[in-house]
Amino acid sequence: MAGSRHFFRNQPAEQTRAEIKDDIKNSRTAQRDLQATGQHRLAETMREAADEHLDELNNLNNGTWTPNHA
Protein backbone atom coordinates (compact mmCIF):
# COMPACT_ATOMS: atom_id res chain seq x y z
CA MET A 1 0.00 0.00 0.00
CA ALA A 2 1.48 3.31 -1.04
CA GLY A 3 2.15 5.53 1.92
CA SER A 4 2.03 2.70 4.43
CA ARG A 5 5.66 3.49 5.17
CA HIS A 6 4.48 6.49 7.16
CA PHE A 7 2.74 4.30 9.73
CA PHE A 8 5.47 1.78 10.57
CA ARG A 9 8.70 2.63 12.37
CA ASN A 10 10.38 -0.76 12.01
CA GLN A 11 9.97 -1.20 8.27
CA PRO A 12 13.24 -2.19 6.53
CA ALA A 13 14.92 0.59 4.53
CA GLU A 14 14.86 -1.47 1.33
CA GLN A 15 11.10 -1.93 1.58
CA THR A 16 10.65 1.79 2.20
CA ARG A 17 12.93 2.60 -0.73
CA ALA A 18 10.92 0.26 -3.01
CA GLU A 19 7.64 1.91 -1.96
CA ILE A 20 9.01 5.39 -2.62
CA LYS A 21 10.36 4.38 -6.03
CA ASP A 22 6.97 2.87 -6.93
CA ASP A 23 5.26 6.11 -5.90
CA ILE A 24 7.67 8.14 -8.06
CA LYS A 25 7.04 5.86 -11.04
CA ASN A 26 3.26 6.00 -10.59
CA SER A 27 3.25 9.78 -10.22
CA ARG A 28 5.35 10.24 -13.37
CA THR A 29 3.10 7.85 -15.31
CA ALA A 30 -0.01 9.71 -14.19
CA GLN A 31 1.65 13.02 -15.05
CA ARG A 32 2.40 11.88 -18.62
CA ASP A 33 -1.09 10.44 -19.06
CA LEU A 34 -2.71 13.65 -17.86
CA GLN A 35 -0.50 15.79 -20.10
CA ALA A 36 -1.41 13.62 -23.08
CA THR A 37 -5.10 14.29 -22.47
CA GLY A 38 -4.59 18.03 -22.00
CA GLN A 39 -5.22 18.08 -18.25
CA HIS A 40 -2.18 20.19 -17.46
CA ARG A 41 -3.33 21.46 -14.08
CA LEU A 42 -3.76 17.93 -12.76
CA ALA A 43 -0.49 16.89 -14.41
CA GLU A 44 1.23 19.63 -12.41
CA THR A 45 -0.10 18.14 -9.16
CA MET A 46 1.38 14.78 -10.15
CA ARG A 47 4.72 16.47 -10.88
CA GLU A 48 4.63 18.03 -7.42
CA ALA A 49 3.83 14.64 -5.88
CA ALA A 50 6.77 13.05 -7.71
CA ASP A 51 9.04 15.84 -6.46
CA GLU A 52 7.90 15.20 -2.88
CA HIS A 53 8.64 11.49 -3.31
CA LEU A 54 12.10 12.31 -4.69
CA ASP A 55 12.76 14.47 -1.64
CA GLU A 56 11.60 11.60 0.53
CA LEU A 57 13.98 9.22 -1.27
CA ASN A 58 16.86 11.65 -0.78
CA ASN A 59 16.05 11.85 2.93
CA LEU A 60 16.03 8.06 3.16
CA ASN A 61 19.38 7.85 1.38
CA ASN A 62 20.82 10.51 3.70
CA GLY A 63 19.52 8.74 6.80
CA THR A 64 17.19 11.59 7.79
CA TRP A 65 13.86 10.06 6.73
CA THR A 66 11.26 9.41 9.43
CA PRO A 67 7.67 8.14 9.16
CA ASN A 68 5.03 10.87 9.41
CA HIS A 69 2.49 9.09 11.62
CA ALA A 70 4.29 6.32 13.51
C-alpha atoms as a PDB file:
ATOM      1  CA  MET A   1       0.000   0.000   0.000  1.00  0.00           C
ATOM      2  CA  ALA A   2       1.484   3.313  -1.035  1.00  0.00           C
ATOM      3  CA  GLY A   3       2.148   5.532   1.915  1.00  0.00           C
ATOM      4  CA  SER A   4       2.025   2.698   4.432  1.00  0.00           C
ATOM      5  CA  ARG A   5       5.661   3.490   5.168  1.00  0.00           C
ATOM      6  CA  HIS A   6       4.483   6.493   7.158  1.00  0.00           C
ATOM      7  CA  PHE A   7       2.742   4.304   9.731  1.00  0.00           C
ATOM      8  CA  PHE A   8       5.469   1.777  10.566  1.00  0.00           C
ATOM      9  CA  ARG A   9       8.704   2.627  12.370  1.00  0.00           C
ATOM     10  CA  ASN A  10      10.380  -0.757  12.008  1.00  0.00           C
ATOM     11  CA  GLN A  11       9.970  -1.199   8.265  1.00  0.00           C
ATOM     12  CA  PRO A  12      13.244  -2.188   6.532  1.00  0.00           C
ATOM     13  CA  ALA A  13      14.923   0.590   4.530  1.00  0.00           C
ATOM     14  CA  GLU A  14      14.857  -1.466   1.325  1.00  0.00           C
ATOM     15  CA  GLN A  15      11.096  -1.934   1.576  1.00  0.00           C
ATOM     16  CA  THR A  16      10.647   1.790   2.201  1.00  0.00           C
ATOM     17  CA  ARG A  17      12.926   2.597  -0.734  1.00  0.00           C
ATOM     18  CA  ALA A  18      10.922   0.263  -3.011  1.00  0.00           C
ATOM     19  CA  GLU A  19       7.635   1.911  -1.964  1.00  0.00           C
ATOM     20  CA  ILE A  20       9.009   5.391  -2.619  1.00  0.00           C
ATOM     21  CA  LYS A  21      10.358   4.377  -6.033  1.00  0.00           C
ATOM     22  CA  ASP A  22       6.973   2.869  -6.933  1.00  0.00           C
ATOM     23  CA  ASP A  23       5.263   6.112  -5.900  1.00  0.00           C
ATOM     24  CA  ILE A  24       7.671   8.137  -8.058  1.00  0.00           C
ATOM     25  CA  LYS A  25       7.039   5.856 -11.037  1.00  0.00           C
ATOM     26  CA  ASN A  26       3.259   5.997 -10.592  1.00  0.00           C
ATOM     27  CA  SER A  27       3.255   9.781 -10.216  1.00  0.00           C
ATOM     28  CA  ARG A  28       5.348  10.240 -13.372  1.00  0.00           C
ATOM     29  CA  THR A  29       3.105   7.853 -15.313  1.00  0.00           C
ATOM     30  CA  ALA A  30      -0.015   9.714 -14.187  1.00  0.00           C
ATOM     31  CA  GLN A  31       1.646  13.024 -15.052  1.00  0.00           C
ATOM     32  CA  ARG A  32       2.396  11.876 -18.621  1.00  0.00           C
ATOM     33  CA  ASP A  33      -1.095  10.444 -19.065  1.00  0.00           C
ATOM     34  CA  LEU A  34      -2.708  13.655 -17.863  1.00  0.00           C
ATOM     35  CA  GLN A  35      -0.500  15.791 -20.097  1.00  0.00           C
ATOM     36  CA  ALA A  36      -1.412  13.622 -23.076  1.00  0.00           C
ATOM     37  CA  THR A  37      -5.103  14.288 -22.467  1.00  0.00           C
ATOM     38  CA  GLY A  38      -4.592  18.032 -22.003  1.00  0.00           C
ATOM     39  CA  GLN A  39      -5.217  18.080 -18.250  1.00  0.00           C
ATOM     40  CA  HIS A  40      -2.178  20.187 -17.460  1.00  0.00           C
ATOM     41  CA  ARG A  41      -3.331  21.462 -14.083  1.00  0.00           C
ATOM     42  CA  LEU A  42      -3.758  17.931 -12.758  1.00  0.00           C
ATOM     43  CA  ALA A  43      -0.489  16.891 -14.405  1.00  0.00           C
ATOM     44  CA  GLU A  44       1.230  19.626 -12.410  1.00  0.00           C
ATOM     45  CA  THR A  45      -0.096  18.143  -9.156  1.00  0.00           C
ATOM     46  CA  MET A  46       1.380  14.776 -10.148  1.00  0.00           C
ATOM     47  CA  ARG A  47       4.721  16.475 -10.881  1.00  0.00           C
ATOM     48  CA  GLU A  48       4.630  18.032  -7.419  1.00  0.00           C
ATOM     49  CA  ALA A  49       3.833  14.641  -5.881  1.00  0.00           C
ATOM     50  CA  ALA A  50       6.768  13.054  -7.711  1.00  0.00           C
ATOM     51  CA  ASP A  51       9.042  15.841  -6.464  1.00  0.00           C
ATOM     52  CA  GLU A  52       7.897  15.200  -2.881  1.00  0.00           C
ATOM     53  CA  HIS A  53       8.637  11.495  -3.310  1.00  0.00           C
ATOM     54  CA  LEU A  54      12.097  12.312  -4.693  1.00  0.00           C
ATOM     55  CA  ASP A  55      12.759  14.473  -1.635  1.00  0.00           C
ATOM     56  CA  GLU A  56      11.600  11.597   0.535  1.00  0.00           C
ATOM     57  CA  LEU A  57      13.981   9.215  -1.268  1.00  0.00           C
ATOM     58  CA  ASN A  58      16.863  11.647  -0.782  1.00  0.00           C
ATOM     59  CA  ASN A  59      16.046  11.851   2.929  1.00  0.00           C
ATOM     60  CA  LEU A  60      16.028   8.058   3.159  1.00  0.00           C
ATOM     61  CA  ASN A  61      19.379   7.848   1.376  1.00  0.00           C
ATOM     62  CA  ASN A  62      20.816  10.512   3.698  1.00  0.00           C
ATOM     63  CA  GLY A  63      19.522   8.744   6.804  1.00  0.00           C
ATOM     64  CA  THR A  64      17.193  11.593   7.794  1.00  0.00           C
ATOM     65  CA  TRP A  65      13.863  10.056   6.727  1.00  0.00           C
ATOM     66  CA  THR A  66      11.264   9.407   9.428  1.00  0.00           C
ATOM     67  CA  PRO A  67       7.674   8.142   9.158  1.00  0.00           C
ATOM     68  CA  ASN A  68       5.027  10.871   9.408  1.00  0.00           C
ATOM     69  CA  HIS A  69       2.489   9.091  11.618  1.00  0.00           C
ATOM     70  CA  ALA A  70       4.290   6.319  13.505  1.00  0.00           C
END
